Amino acid sequence: MGFTRSSVIGILVIKNILSLPLEEAINTMKTINKDMVIHSYLRDFLKKF
């Protein structure tokens, strides 16, 4: 869970600092970490922020 939690926090930081839409923040994080997997339940969770 630690790696997933770090990825989710990273996505939220990228989204808020760069004022990006959620999908763009996820894509930016995926370019940084090519092995990252964001499950559908995490996408739903991230949409709340």
PDB file of N, CA and C in Angstrom:
ATOM      1  N   MET A   1       0.820  -1.201   0.000  1.00  0.00           N
ATOM      2  CA  MET A   1       0.000   0.000   0.000  1.00  0.00           C
ATOM      3  C   MET A   1       0.859   1.258   0.000  1.00  0.00           C
ATOM      4  N   GLY A   2       2.075   1.184   0.487  1.00  0.00           N
ATOM      5  CA  GLY A   2       2.914   2.376   0.575  1.00  0.00           C
ATOM      6  C   GLY A   2       3.191   3.003  -0.774  1.00  0.00           C
ATOM      7  N   PHE A   3       3.509   2.162  -1.775  1.00  0.00           N
ATOM      8  CA  PHE A   3       3.815   2.688  -3.103  1.00  0.00           C
ATOM      9  C   PHE A   3       2.576   3.301  -3.739  1.00  0.00           C
ATOM     10  N   THR A   4       1.438   2.661  -3.581  1.00  0.00           N
ATOM     11  CA  THR A   4       0.190   3.189  -4.127  1.00  0.00           C
ATOM     12  C   THR A   4      -0.175   4.498  -3.443  1.00  0.00           C
ATOM     13  N   ARG A   5      -0.008   4.539  -2.134  1.00  0.00           N
ATOM     14  CA  ARG A   5      -0.314   5.758  -1.389  1.00  0.00           C
ATOM     15  C   ARG A   5       0.577   6.906  -1.856  1.00  0.00           C
ATOM     16  N   SER A   6       1.853   6.631  -2.074  1.00  0.00           N
ATOM     17  CA  SER A   6       2.771   7.662  -2.564  1.00  0.00           C
ATOM     18  C   SER A   6       2.363   8.146  -3.947  1.00  0.00           C
ATOM     19  N   SER A   7       1.924   7.226  -4.798  1.00  0.00           N
ATOM     20  CA  SER A   7       1.491   7.604  -6.146  1.00  0.00           C
ATOM     21  C   SER A   7       0.251   8.486  -6.091  1.00  0.00           C
ATOM     22  N   VAL A   8      -0.697   8.135  -5.239  1.00  0.00           N
ATOM     23  CA  VAL A   8      -1.929   8.922  -5.110  1.00  0.00           C
ATOM     24  C   VAL A   8      -1.607  10.317  -4.578  1.00  0.00           C
ATOM     25  N   ILE A   9      -0.745  10.395  -3.581  1.00  0.00           N
ATOM     26  CA  ILE A   9      -0.351  11.704  -3.047  1.00  0.00           C
ATOM     27  C   ILE A   9       0.372  12.505  -4.117  1.00  0.00           C
ATOM     28  N   GLY A  10       1.237  11.849  -4.889  1.00  0.00           N
ATOM     29  CA  GLY A  10       1.941  12.529  -5.974  1.00  0.00           C
ATOM     30  C   GLY A  10       0.992  13.078  -7.019  1.00  0.00           C
ATOM     31  N   ILE A  11      -0.030  12.316  -7.365  1.00  0.00           N
ATOM     32  CA  ILE A  11      -1.021  12.772  -8.347  1.00  0.00           C
ATOM     33  C   ILE A  11      -1.761  13.995  -7.814  1.00  0.00           C
ATOM     34  N   LEU A  12      -2.154  13.956  -6.543  1.00  0.00           N
ATOM     35  CA  LEU A  12      -2.862  15.100  -5.959  1.00  0.00           C
ATOM     36  C   LEU A  12      -1.977  16.339  -5.910  1.00  0.00           C
ATOM     37  N   VAL A  13      -0.697  16.159  -5.597  1.00  0.00           N
ATOM     38  CA  VAL A  13       0.224  17.296  -5.553  1.00  0.00           C
ATOM     39  C   VAL A  13       0.392  17.891  -6.943  1.00  0.00           C
ATOM     40  N   ILE A  14       0.615  17.028  -7.943  1.00  0.00           N
ATOM     41  CA  ILE A  14       0.761  17.502  -9.327  1.00  0.00           C
ATOM     42  C   ILE A  14      -0.503  18.223  -9.773  1.00  0.00           C
ATOM     43  N   LYS A  15      -1.656  17.637  -9.458  1.00  0.00           N
ATOM     44  CA  LYS A  15      -2.936  18.222  -9.863  1.00  0.00           C
ATOM     45  C   LYS A  15      -3.122  19.614  -9.260  1.00  0.00           C
ATOM     46  N   ASN A  16      -2.816  19.761  -7.991  1.00  0.00           N
ATOM     47  CA  ASN A  16      -3.055  21.039  -7.309  1.00  0.00           C
ATOM     48  C   ASN A  16      -2.008  22.087  -7.641  1.00  0.00           C
ATOM     49  N   ILE A  17      -0.745  21.707  -7.694  1.00  0.00           N
ATOM     50  CA  ILE A  17       0.308  22.694  -7.952  1.00  0.00           C
ATOM     51  C   ILE A  17       0.255  23.193  -9.390  1.00  0.00           C
ATOM     52  N   LEU A  18       0.067  22.276 -10.336  1.00  0.00           N
ATOM     53  CA  LEU A  18       0.058  22.661 -11.745  1.00  0.00           C
ATOM     54  C   LEU A  18      -1.331  23.010 -12.259  1.00  0.00           C
ATOM     55  N   SER A  19      -2.345  22.898 -11.421  1.00  0.00           N
ATOM     56  CA  SER A  19      -3.744  23.174 -11.792  1.00  0.00           C
ATOM     57  C   SER A  19      -4.158  22.384 -13.030  1.00  0.00           C
ATOM     58  N   LEU A  20      -3.878  21.089 -12.995  1.00  0.00           N
ATOM     59  CA  LEU A  20      -4.207  20.206 -14.115  1.00  0.00           C
ATOM     60  C   LEU A  20      -5.487  19.436 -13.818  1.00  0.00           C
ATOM     61  N   PRO A  21      -6.184  19.018 -14.875  1.00  0.00           N
ATOM     62  CA  PRO A  21      -7.293  18.083 -14.675  1.00  0.00           C
ATOM     63  C   PRO A  21      -6.741  16.743 -14.175  1.00  0.00           C
ATOM     64  N   LEU A  22      -7.591  15.941 -13.587  1.00  0.00           N
ATOM     65  CA  LEU A  22      -7.163  14.681 -12.983  1.00  0.00           C
ATOM     66  C   LEU A  22      -6.472  13.762 -13.981  1.00  0.00           C
ATOM     67  N   GLU A  23      -7.055  13.575 -15.153  1.00  0.00           N
ATOM     68  CA  GLU A  23      -6.474  12.654 -16.136  1.00  0.00           C
ATOM     69  C   GLU A  23      -5.089  13.106 -16.585  1.00  0.00           C
ATOM     70  N   GLU A  24      -4.913  14.395 -16.727  1.00  0.00           N
ATOM     71  CA  GLU A  24      -3.609  14.918 -17.133  1.00  0.00           C
ATOM     72  C   GLU A  24      -2.581  14.730 -16.020  1.00  0.00           C
ATOM     73  N   ALA A  25      -3.004  14.887 -14.778  1.00  0.00           N
ATOM     74  CA  ALA A  25      -2.102  14.664 -13.645  1.00  0.00           C
ATOM     75  C   ALA A  25      -1.699  13.192 -13.563  1.00  0.00           C
ATOM     76  N   ILE A  26      -2.644  12.293 -13.826  1.00  0.00           N
ATOM     77  CA  ILE A  26      -2.333  10.859 -13.829  1.00  0.00           C
ATOM     78  C   ILE A  26      -1.352  10.540 -14.947  1.00  0.00           C
ATOM     79  N   ASN A  27      -1.574  11.093 -16.129  1.00  0.00           N
ATOM     80  CA  ASN A  27      -0.657  10.849 -17.245  1.00  0.00           C
ATOM     81  C   ASN A  27       0.732  11.399 -16.960  1.00  0.00           C
ATOM     82  N   THR A  28       0.812  12.553 -16.314  1.00  0.00           N
ATOM     83  CA  THR A  28       2.112  13.119 -15.946  1.00  0.00           C
ATOM     84  C   THR A  28       2.827  12.205 -14.965  1.00  0.00           C
ATOM     85  N   MET A  29       2.096  11.683 -13.995  1.00  0.00           N
ATOM     86  CA  MET A  29       2.698  10.772 -13.021  1.00  0.00           C
ATOM     87  C   MET A  29       3.132   9.475 -13.693  1.00  0.00           C
ATOM     88  N   LYS A  30       2.368   9.012 -14.693  1.00  0.00           N
ATOM     89  CA  LYS A  30       2.745   7.788 -15.406  1.00  0.00           C
ATOM     90  C   LYS A  30       4.017   7.978 -16.222  1.00  0.00           C
ATOM     91  N   THR A  31       4.274   9.186 -16.717  1.00  0.00           N
ATOM     92  CA  THR A  31       5.525   9.414 -17.438  1.00  0.00           C
ATOM     93  C   THR A  31       6.708   9.386 -16.476  1.00  0.00           C
ATOM     94  N   ILE A  32       6.486   9.790 -15.238  1.00  0.00           N
ATOM     95  CA  ILE A  32       7.542   9.735 -14.226  1.00  0.00           C
ATOM     96  C   ILE A  32       7.781   8.291 -13.790  1.00  0.00           C
ATOM     97  N   ASN A  33       6.703   7.544 -13.579  1.00  0.00           N
ATOM     98  CA  ASN A  33       6.802   6.159 -13.121  1.00  0.00           C
ATOM     99  C   ASN A  33       6.042   5.268 -14.096  1.00  0.00           C
ATOM    100  N   LYS A  34       6.741   4.632 -14.987  1.00  0.00           N
ATOM    101  CA  LYS A  34       6.130   3.844 -16.059  1.00  0.00           C
ATOM    102  C   LYS A  34       5.403   2.598 -15.550  1.00  0.00           C
ATOM    103  N   ASP A  35       5.752   2.100 -14.357  1.00  0.00           N
ATOM    104  CA  ASP A  35       5.144   0.880 -13.825  1.00  0.00           C
ATOM    105  C   ASP A  35       3.922   1.147 -12.955  1.00  0.00           C
ATOM    106  N   MET A  36       3.521   2.402 -12.838  1.00  0.00           N
ATOM    107  CA  MET A  36       2.413   2.767 -11.965  1.00  0.00           C
ATOM    108  C   MET A  36       1.086   2.245 -12.510  1.00  0.00           C
ATOM    109  N   VAL A  37       0.270   1.713 -11.616  1.00  0.00           N
ATOM    110  CA  VAL A  37      -1.072   1.249 -11.967  1.00  0.00           C
ATOM    111  C   VAL A  37      -2.057   1.964 -11.054  1.00  0.00           C
ATOM    112  N   ILE A  38      -3.021   2.636 -11.650  1.00  0.00           N
ATOM    113  CA  ILE A  38      -4.081   3.286 -10.875  1.00  0.00           C
ATOM    114  C   ILE A  38      -5.374   2.520 -11.143  1.00  0.00           C
ATOM    115  N   HIS A  39      -5.889   1.872 -10.117  1.00  0.00           N
ATOM    116  CA  HIS A  39      -7.107   1.083 -10.252  1.00  0.00           C
ATOM    117  C   HIS A  39      -8.328   2.000 -10.324  1.00  0.00           C
ATOM    118  N   SER A  40      -9.421   1.443 -10.798  1.00  0.00           N
ATOM    119  CA  SER A  40     -10.633   2.241 -10.992  1.00  0.00           C
ATOM    120  C   SER A  40     -11.158   2.813  -9.673  1.00  0.00           C
ATOM    121  N   TYR A  41     -11.039   2.059  -8.584  1.00  0.00           N
ATOM    122  CA  TYR A  41     -11.534   2.580  -7.307  1.00  0.00           C
ATOM    123  C   TYR A  41     -10.685   3.758  -6.831  1.00  0.00           C
ATOM    124  N   LEU A  42      -9.391   3.779  -7.192  1.00  0.00           N
ATOM    125  CA  LEU A  42      -8.551   4.923  -6.838  1.00  0.00           C
ATOM    126  C   LEU A  42      -8.894   6.137  -7.688  1.00  0.00           C
ATOM    127  N   ARG A  43      -9.233   5.918  -8.967  1.00  0.00           N
ATOM    128  CA  ARG A  43      -9.658   7.039  -9.816  1.00  0.00           C
ATOM    129  C   ARG A  43     -10.931   7.667  -9.253  1.00  0.00           C
ATOM    130  N   ASP A  44     -11.861   6.829  -8.813  1.00  0.00           N
ATOM    131  CA  ASP A  44     -13.096   7.343  -8.215  1.00  0.00           C
ATOM    132  C   ASP A  44     -12.793   8.132  -6.941  1.00  0.00           C
ATOM    133  N   PHE A  45     -11.860   7.628  -6.146  1.00  0.00           N
ATOM    134  CA  PHE A  45     -11.462   8.324  -4.924  1.00  0.00           C
ATOM    135  C   PHE A  45     -10.822   9.669  -5.241  1.00  0.00           C
ATOM    136  N   LEU A  46      -9.960   9.705  -6.259  1.00  0.00           N
ATOM    137  CA  LEU A  46      -9.266  10.939  -6.619  1.00  0.00           C
ATOM    138  C   LEU A  46     -10.217  11.993  -7.182  1.00  0.00           C
ATOM    139  N   LYS A  47     -11.320  11.568  -7.788  1.00  0.00           N
ATOM    140  CA  LYS A  47     -12.279  12.518  -8.357  1.00  0.00           C
ATOM    141  C   LYS A  47     -12.964  13.352  -7.274  1.00  0.00           C
ATOM    142  N   LYS A  48     -12.919  12.894  -6.026  1.00  0.00           N
ATOM    143  CA  LYS A  48     -13.547  13.628  -4.928  1.00  0.00           C
ATOM    144  C   LYS A  48     -12.754  14.863  -4.537  1.00  0.00           C
ATOM    145  N   PHE A  49     -11.485  14.926  -4.947  1.00  0.00           N
ATOM    146  CA  PHE A  49     -10.620  16.043  -4.537  1.00  0.00           C
ATOM    147  C   PHE A  49     -10.512  17.049  -5.624  1.00  0.00           C
TER     148      PHE A  49
END
